[in-house]
Amino acid sequence: MSKVCQITGKKAMVGNRVSHSNIKTKRRFNPNLHKKKFYVPELGEWVVLKVSAKGIRDINKKGVWNSIIDAYNKGLL
């Protein structure tokens, strides 16, 4: 399962886990993804998207149809 937000394009990052003795080992920072159903009035149907918490806030602000169009133009959908 790909860990990429379909609206914002956020994906997993790589960083270091640093112990108390300052030993560094690799770790991953995964985005806060949720599988959500959104109703799109322009299409008259439900759409299932895998979105991050910021993606949900963007959808609440711009609307689901405008967010889908922007993501498609960016090449995320």
PDB file of N, CA and C in Angstrom:
ATOM      1  N   MET A   1       0.845  -1.176   0.000  1.00  0.00           N
ATOM      2  CA  MET A   1       0.000   0.000   0.000  1.00  0.00           C
ATOM      3  C   MET A   1       0.887   1.236   0.000  1.00  0.00           C
ATOM      4  N   SER A   2       0.693   2.085  -0.971  1.00  0.00           N
ATOM      5  CA  SER A   2       1.518   3.275  -1.102  1.00  0.00           C
ATOM      6  C   SER A   2       1.115   4.314  -0.054  1.00  0.00           C
ATOM      7  N   LYS A   3       2.101   4.903   0.597  1.00  0.00           N
ATOM      8  CA  LYS A   3       1.832   5.875   1.654  1.00  0.00           C
ATOM      9  C   LYS A   3       2.027   7.277   1.125  1.00  0.00           C
ATOM     10  N   VAL A   4       1.139   7.677   0.175  1.00  0.00           N
ATOM     11  CA  VAL A   4       1.189   8.993  -0.441  1.00  0.00           C
ATOM     12  C   VAL A   4      -0.204   9.593  -0.397  1.00  0.00           C
ATOM     13  N   CYS A   5      -0.298  10.851   0.023  1.00  0.00           N
ATOM     14  CA  CYS A   5      -1.573  11.569   0.040  1.00  0.00           C
ATOM     15  C   CYS A   5      -1.963  11.900  -1.394  1.00  0.00           C
ATOM     16  N   GLN A   6      -3.217  11.623  -1.759  1.00  0.00           N
ATOM     17  CA  GLN A   6      -3.664  11.854  -3.121  1.00  0.00           C
ATOM     18  C   GLN A   6      -4.001  13.311  -3.384  1.00  0.00           C
ATOM     19  N   ILE A   7      -4.086  14.136  -2.362  1.00  0.00           N
ATOM     20  CA  ILE A   7      -4.416  15.553  -2.536  1.00  0.00           C
ATOM     21  C   ILE A   7      -3.164  16.423  -2.444  1.00  0.00           C
ATOM     22  N   THR A   8      -2.357  16.230  -1.413  1.00  0.00           N
ATOM     23  CA  THR A   8      -1.188  17.095  -1.209  1.00  0.00           C
ATOM     24  C   THR A   8       0.107  16.504  -1.741  1.00  0.00           C
ATOM     25  N   GLY A   9       0.157  15.191  -1.935  1.00  0.00           N
ATOM     26  CA  GLY A   9       1.376  14.555  -2.414  1.00  0.00           C
ATOM     27  C   GLY A   9       2.379  14.254  -1.319  1.00  0.00           C
ATOM     28  N   LYS A  10       1.981  14.426  -0.052  1.00  0.00           N
ATOM     29  CA  LYS A  10       2.894  14.102   1.044  1.00  0.00           C
ATOM     30  C   LYS A  10       3.212  12.618   1.027  1.00  0.00           C
ATOM     31  N   LYS A  11       4.484  12.283   1.288  1.00  0.00           N
ATOM     32  CA  LYS A  11       4.892  10.887   1.335  1.00  0.00           C
ATOM     33  C   LYS A  11       5.891  10.691   2.463  1.00  0.00           C
ATOM     34  N   ALA A  12       6.300   9.452   2.676  1.00  0.00           N
ATOM     35  CA  ALA A  12       7.190   9.117   3.781  1.00  0.00           C
ATOM     36  C   ALA A  12       8.545   9.778   3.594  1.00  0.00           C
ATOM     37  N   MET A  13       9.110  10.275   4.699  1.00  0.00           N
ATOM     38  CA  MET A  13      10.442  10.868   4.699  1.00  0.00           C
ATOM     39  C   MET A  13      11.375   9.967   5.489  1.00  0.00           C
ATOM     40  N   VAL A  14      12.677  10.139   5.289  1.00  0.00           N
ATOM     41  CA  VAL A  14      13.678   9.351   6.006  1.00  0.00           C
ATOM     42  C   VAL A  14      14.457  10.287   6.908  1.00  0.00           C
ATOM     43  N   GLY A  15      14.726   9.821   8.129  1.00  0.00           N
ATOM     44  CA  GLY A  15      15.499  10.601   9.082  1.00  0.00           C
ATOM     45  C   GLY A  15      16.279   9.680   9.988  1.00  0.00           C
ATOM     46  N   ASN A  16      16.755  10.235  11.067  1.00  0.00           N
ATOM     47  CA  ASN A  16      17.549   9.467  12.026  1.00  0.00           C
ATOM     48  C   ASN A  16      16.824   9.348  13.347  1.00  0.00           C
ATOM     49  N   ARG A  17      16.916   8.161  13.951  1.00  0.00           N
ATOM     50  CA  ARG A  17      16.513   7.970  15.336  1.00  0.00           C
ATOM     51  C   ARG A  17      17.773   8.186  16.148  1.00  0.00           C
ATOM     52  N   VAL A  18      17.750   9.113  17.093  1.00  0.00           N
ATOM     53  CA  VAL A  18      18.947   9.469  17.848  1.00  0.00           C
ATOM     54  C   VAL A  18      18.764   9.006  19.289  1.00  0.00           C
ATOM     55  N   SER A  19      19.659   8.148  19.749  1.00  0.00           N
ATOM     56  CA  SER A  19      19.575   7.629  21.109  1.00  0.00           C
ATOM     57  C   SER A  19      20.186   8.635  22.093  1.00  0.00           C
ATOM     58  N   HIS A  20      20.076   8.304  23.365  1.00  0.00           N
ATOM     59  CA  HIS A  20      20.638   9.158  24.409  1.00  0.00           C
ATOM     60  C   HIS A  20      22.152   9.285  24.262  1.00  0.00           C
ATOM     61  N   SER A  21      22.807   8.223  23.757  1.00  0.00           N
ATOM     62  CA  SER A  21      24.260   8.259  23.572  1.00  0.00           C
ATOM     63  C   SER A  21      24.638   8.818  22.193  1.00  0.00           C
ATOM     64  N   ASN A  22      23.647   9.401  21.484  1.00  0.00           N
ATOM     65  CA  ASN A  22      23.836  10.075  20.198  1.00  0.00           C
ATOM     66  C   ASN A  22      24.185   9.099  19.059  1.00  0.00           C
ATOM     67  N   ILE A  23      23.753   7.841  19.186  1.00  0.00           N
ATOM     68  CA  ILE A  23      23.896   6.881  18.098  1.00  0.00           C
ATOM     69  C   ILE A  23      22.733   7.094  17.139  1.00  0.00           C
ATOM     70  N   LYS A  24      23.034   7.198  15.857  1.00  0.00           N
ATOM     71  CA  LYS A  24      22.002   7.492  14.867  1.00  0.00           C
ATOM     72  C   LYS A  24      21.705   6.249  14.024  1.00  0.00           C
ATOM     73  N   THR A  25      20.443   5.897  13.929  1.00  0.00           N
ATOM     74  CA  THR A  25      19.987   4.819  13.058  1.00  0.00           C
ATOM     75  C   THR A  25      18.843   5.352  12.210  1.00  0.00           C
ATOM     76  N   LYS A  26      18.691   4.800  11.020  1.00  0.00           N
ATOM     77  CA  LYS A  26      17.677   5.287  10.091  1.00  0.00           C
ATOM     78  C   LYS A  26      16.271   4.926  10.552  1.00  0.00           C
ATOM     79  N   ARG A  27      15.323   5.821  10.267  1.00  0.00           N
ATOM     80  CA  ARG A  27      13.918   5.581  10.538  1.00  0.00           C
ATOM     81  C   ARG A  27      13.094   6.300   9.492  1.00  0.00           C
ATOM     82  N   ARG A  28      11.785   6.006   9.467  1.00  0.00           N
ATOM     83  CA  ARG A  28      10.889   6.642   8.499  1.00  0.00           C
ATOM     84  C   ARG A  28       9.851   7.484   9.219  1.00  0.00           C
ATOM     85  N   PHE A  29       9.516   8.613   8.632  1.00  0.00           N
ATOM     86  CA  PHE A  29       8.434   9.462   9.105  1.00  0.00           C
ATOM     87  C   PHE A  29       7.286   9.305   8.110  1.00  0.00           C
ATOM     88  N   ASN A  30       6.236   8.594   8.504  1.00  0.00           N
ATOM     89  CA  ASN A  30       5.102   8.363   7.618  1.00  0.00           C
ATOM     90  C   ASN A  30       4.059   9.468   7.780  1.00  0.00           C
ATOM     91  N   PRO A  31       3.374   9.850   6.706  1.00  0.00           N
ATOM     92  CA  PRO A  31       2.329  10.871   6.818  1.00  0.00           C
ATOM     93  C   PRO A  31       1.100  10.319   7.535  1.00  0.00           C
ATOM     94  N   ASN A  32       0.291  11.221   8.048  1.00  0.00           N
ATOM     95  CA  ASN A  32      -0.912  10.870   8.799  1.00  0.00           C
ATOM     96  C   ASN A  32      -2.055  10.640   7.803  1.00  0.00           C
ATOM     97  N   LEU A  33      -2.116   9.432   7.214  1.00  0.00           N
ATOM     98  CA  LEU A  33      -3.070   9.151   6.145  1.00  0.00           C
ATOM     99  C   LEU A  33      -4.348   8.511   6.665  1.00  0.00           C
ATOM    100  N   HIS A  34      -5.464   8.868   6.005  1.00  0.00           N
ATOM    101  CA  HIS A  34      -6.775   8.300   6.301  1.00  0.00           C
ATOM    102  C   HIS A  34      -7.458   7.973   4.989  1.00  0.00           C
ATOM    103  N   LYS A  35      -8.186   6.868   4.970  1.00  0.00           N
ATOM    104  CA  LYS A  35      -8.998   6.516   3.813  1.00  0.00           C
ATOM    105  C   LYS A  35     -10.391   7.071   4.079  1.00  0.00           C
ATOM    106  N   LYS A  36     -10.807   8.076   3.264  1.00  0.00           N
ATOM    107  CA  LYS A  36     -12.077   8.763   3.515  1.00  0.00           C
ATOM    108  C   LYS A  36     -12.937   8.763   2.271  1.00  0.00           C
ATOM    109  N   LYS A  37     -14.248   8.724   2.484  1.00  0.00           N
ATOM    110  CA  LYS A  37     -15.208   8.852   1.403  1.00  0.00           C
ATOM    111  C   LYS A  37     -15.722  10.286   1.373  1.00  0.00           C
ATOM    112  N   PHE A  38     -15.709  10.894   0.194  1.00  0.00           N
ATOM    113  CA  PHE A  38     -16.211  12.251   0.013  1.00  0.00           C
ATOM    114  C   PHE A  38     -17.305  12.222  -1.045  1.00  0.00           C
ATOM    115  N   TYR A  39     -18.368  12.984  -0.807  1.00  0.00           N
ATOM    116  CA  TYR A  39     -19.425  13.105  -1.806  1.00  0.00           C
ATOM    117  C   TYR A  39     -19.097  14.268  -2.721  1.00  0.00           C
ATOM    118  N   VAL A  40     -19.091  14.011  -4.022  1.00  0.00           N
ATOM    119  CA  VAL A  40     -18.799  15.042  -5.014  1.00  0.00           C
ATOM    120  C   VAL A  40     -20.111  15.404  -5.700  1.00  0.00           C
ATOM    121  N   PRO A  41     -20.689  16.589  -5.364  1.00  0.00           N
ATOM    122  CA  PRO A  41     -21.982  16.945  -5.959  1.00  0.00           C
ATOM    123  C   PRO A  41     -21.911  17.136  -7.472  1.00  0.00           C
ATOM    124  N   GLU A  42     -20.759  17.559  -8.004  1.00  0.00           N
ATOM    125  CA  GLU A  42     -20.624  17.765  -9.444  1.00  0.00           C
ATOM    126  C   GLU A  42     -20.740  16.454 -10.220  1.00  0.00           C
ATOM    127  N   LEU A  43     -20.265  15.363  -9.609  1.00  0.00           N
ATOM    128  CA  LEU A  43     -20.371  14.046 -10.243  1.00  0.00           C
ATOM    129  C   LEU A  43     -21.612  13.288  -9.788  1.00  0.00           C
ATOM    130  N   GLY A  44     -22.130  13.662  -8.627  1.00  0.00           N
ATOM    131  CA  GLY A  44     -23.289  12.967  -8.074  1.00  0.00           C
ATOM    132  C   GLY A  44     -22.950  11.613  -7.492  1.00  0.00           C
ATOM    133  N   GLU A  45     -21.707  11.400  -7.059  1.00  0.00           N
ATOM    134  CA  GLU A  45     -21.305  10.106  -6.508  1.00  0.00           C
ATOM    135  C   GLU A  45     -20.252  10.295  -5.426  1.00  0.00           C
ATOM    136  N   TRP A  46     -19.994   9.202  -4.705  1.00  0.00           N
ATOM    137  CA  TRP A  46     -18.994   9.178  -3.645  1.00  0.00           C
ATOM    138  C   TRP A  46     -17.637   8.792  -4.225  1.00  0.00           C
ATOM    139  N   VAL A  47     -16.574   9.398  -3.670  1.00  0.00           N
ATOM    140  CA  VAL A  47     -15.209   9.117  -4.097  1.00  0.00           C
ATOM    141  C   VAL A  47     -14.393   8.758  -2.862  1.00  0.00           C
ATOM    142  N   VAL A  48     -13.619   7.675  -2.939  1.00  0.00           N
ATOM    143  CA  VAL A  48     -12.757   7.259  -1.830  1.00  0.00           C
ATOM    144  C   VAL A  48     -11.349   7.760  -2.118  1.00  0.00           C
ATOM    145  N   LEU A  49     -10.794   8.551  -1.185  1.00  0.00           N
ATOM    146  CA  LEU A  49      -9.452   9.100  -1.329  1.00  0.00           C
ATOM    147  C   LEU A  49      -8.617   8.726  -0.122  1.00  0.00           C
ATOM    148  N   LYS A  50      -7.325   8.548  -0.342  1.00  0.00           N
ATOM    149  CA  LYS A  50      -6.376   8.359   0.745  1.00  0.00           C
ATOM    150  C   LYS A  50      -5.705   9.703   0.983  1.00  0.00           C
ATOM    151  N   VAL A  51      -6.097  10.400   2.049  1.00  0.00           N
ATOM    152  CA  VAL A  51      -5.657  11.777   2.272  1.00  0.00           C
ATOM    153  C   VAL A  51      -5.008  11.918   3.637  1.00  0.00           C
ATOM    154  N   SER A  52      -4.084  12.880   3.724  1.00  0.00           N
ATOM    155  CA  SER A  52      -3.453  13.220   4.993  1.00  0.00           C
ATOM    156  C   SER A  52      -4.365  14.178   5.758  1.00  0.00           C
ATOM    157  N   ALA A  53      -4.000  14.473   6.990  1.00  0.00           N
ATOM    158  CA  ALA A  53      -4.785  15.400   7.800  1.00  0.00           C
ATOM    159  C   ALA A  53      -4.794  16.786   7.156  1.00  0.00           C
ATOM    160  N   LYS A  54      -3.670  17.209   6.581  1.00  0.00           N
ATOM    161  CA  LYS A  54      -3.632  18.490   5.881  1.00  0.00           C
ATOM    162  C   LYS A  54      -4.482  18.445   4.626  1.00  0.00           C
ATOM    163  N   GLY A  55      -4.528  17.309   3.950  1.00  0.00           N
ATOM    164  CA  GLY A  55      -5.377  17.153   2.775  1.00  0.00           C
ATOM    165  C   GLY A  55      -6.851  17.306   3.117  1.00  0.00           C
ATOM    166  N   ILE A  56      -7.264  16.784   4.280  1.00  0.00           N
ATOM    167  CA  ILE A  56      -8.650  16.924   4.727  1.00  0.00           C
ATOM    168  C   ILE A  56      -8.958  18.392   4.997  1.00  0.00           C
ATOM    169  N   ARG A  57      -8.021  19.106   5.604  1.00  0.00           N
ATOM    170  CA  ARG A  57      -8.231  20.540   5.856  1.00  0.00           C
ATOM    171  C   ARG A  57      -8.306  21.319   4.551  1.00  0.00           C
ATOM    172  N   ASP A  58      -7.488  20.952   3.563  1.00  0.00           N
ATOM    173  CA  ASP A  58      -7.553  21.609   2.256  1.00  0.00           C
ATOM    174  C   ASP A  58      -8.902  21.360   1.584  1.00  0.00           C
ATOM    175  N   ILE A  59      -9.407  20.140   1.696  1.00  0.00           N
ATOM    176  CA  ILE A  59     -10.714  19.820   1.117  1.00  0.00           C
ATOM    177  C   ILE A  59     -11.809  20.621   1.811  1.00  0.00           C
ATOM    178  N   ASN A  60     -11.725  20.766   3.128  1.00  0.00           N
ATOM    179  CA  ASN A  60     -12.717  21.561   3.848  1.00  0.00           C
ATOM    180  C   ASN A  60     -12.677  23.025   3.421  1.00  0.00           C
ATOM    181  N   LYS A  61     -11.497  23.509   3.084  1.00  0.00           N
ATOM    182  CA  LYS A  61     -11.343  24.917   2.710  1.00  0.00           C
ATOM    183  C   LYS A  61     -11.760  25.171   1.260  1.00  0.00           C
ATOM    184  N   LYS A  62     -11.245  24.361   0.314  1.00  0.00           N
ATOM    185  CA  LYS A  62     -11.462  24.615  -1.112  1.00  0.00           C
ATOM    186  C   LYS A  62     -12.656  23.876  -1.682  1.00  0.00           C
ATOM    187  N   GLY A  63     -13.070  22.797  -1.047  1.00  0.00           N
ATOM    188  CA  GLY A  63     -14.110  21.933  -1.602  1.00  0.00           C
ATOM    189  C   GLY A  63     -13.476  20.726  -2.256  1.00  0.00           C
ATOM    190  N   VAL A  64     -14.222  19.635  -2.286  1.00  0.00           N
ATOM    191  CA  VAL A  64     -13.649  18.380  -2.761  1.00  0.00           C
ATOM    192  C   VAL A  64     -13.398  18.423  -4.267  1.00  0.00           C
ATOM    193  N   TRP A  65     -14.289  19.020  -5.057  1.00  0.00           N
ATOM    194  CA  TRP A  65     -14.113  19.032  -6.505  1.00  0.00           C
ATOM    195  C   TRP A  65     -12.897  19.859  -6.903  1.00  0.00           C
ATOM    196  N   ASN A  66     -12.731  21.060  -6.309  1.00  0.00           N
ATOM    197  CA  ASN A  66     -11.578  21.909  -6.614  1.00  0.00           C
ATOM    198  C   ASN A  66     -10.275  21.253  -6.177  1.00  0.00           C
ATOM    199  N   SER A  67     -10.294  20.542  -5.054  1.00  0.00           N
ATOM    200  CA  SER A  67      -9.096  19.852  -4.581  1.00  0.00           C
ATOM    201  C   SER A  67      -8.714  18.715  -5.524  1.00  0.00           C
ATOM    202  N   ILE A  68      -9.707  17.992  -6.027  1.00  0.00           N
ATOM    203  CA  ILE A  68      -9.434  16.901  -6.965  1.00  0.00           C
ATOM    204  C   ILE A  68      -8.862  17.452  -8.264  1.00  0.00           C
ATOM    205  N   ILE A  69      -9.423  18.553  -8.755  1.00  0.00           N
ATOM    206  CA  ILE A  69      -8.927  19.174  -9.986  1.00  0.00           C
ATOM    207  C   ILE A  69      -7.489  19.644  -9.804  1.00  0.00           C
ATOM    208  N   ASP A  70      -7.180  20.298  -8.670  1.00  0.00           N
ATOM    209  CA  ASP A  70      -5.806  20.764  -8.406  1.00  0.00           C
ATOM    210  C   ASP A  70      -4.833  19.591  -8.333  1.00  0.00           C
ATOM    211  N   ALA A  71      -5.232  18.502  -7.660  1.00  0.00           N
ATOM    212  CA  ALA A  71      -4.363  17.321  -7.542  1.00  0.00           C
ATOM    213  C   ALA A  71      -4.145  16.692  -8.908  1.00  0.00           C
ATOM    214  N   TYR A  72      -5.169  16.681  -9.746  1.00  0.00           N
ATOM    215  CA  TYR A  72      -5.026  16.109 -11.091  1.00  0.00           C
ATOM    216  C   TYR A  72      -4.067  16.954 -11.932  1.00  0.00           C
ATOM    217  N   ASN A  73      -4.164  18.267 -11.809  1.00  0.00           N
ATOM    218  CA  ASN A  73      -3.273  19.150 -12.558  1.00  0.00           C
ATOM    219  C   ASN A  73      -1.819  19.021 -12.101  1.00  0.00           C
ATOM    220  N   LYS A  74      -1.602  18.712 -10.815  1.00  0.00           N
ATOM    221  CA  LYS A  74      -0.253  18.503 -10.283  1.00  0.00           C
ATOM    222  C   LYS A  74       0.285  17.115 -10.622  1.00  0.00           C
ATOM    223  N   GLY A  75      -0.572  16.238 -11.126  1.00  0.00           N
ATOM    224  CA  GLY A  75      -0.156  14.889 -11.476  1.00  0.00           C
ATOM    225  C   GLY A  75      -0.242  13.901 -10.334  1.00  0.00           C
ATOM    226  N   LEU A  76      -1.008  14.215  -9.298  1.00  0.00           N
ATOM    227  CA  LEU A  76      -1.106  13.319  -8.149  1.00  0.00           C
ATOM    228  C   LEU A  76      -2.226  12.287  -8.322  1.00  0.00           C
ATOM    229  N   LEU A  77      -3.198  12.576  -9.144  1.00  0.00           N
ATOM    230  CA  LEU A  77      -4.304  11.634  -9.391  1.00  0.00           C
ATOM    231  C   LEU A  77      -4.246  11.126 -10.811  1.00  0.00           C
TER     232      LEU A  77
END
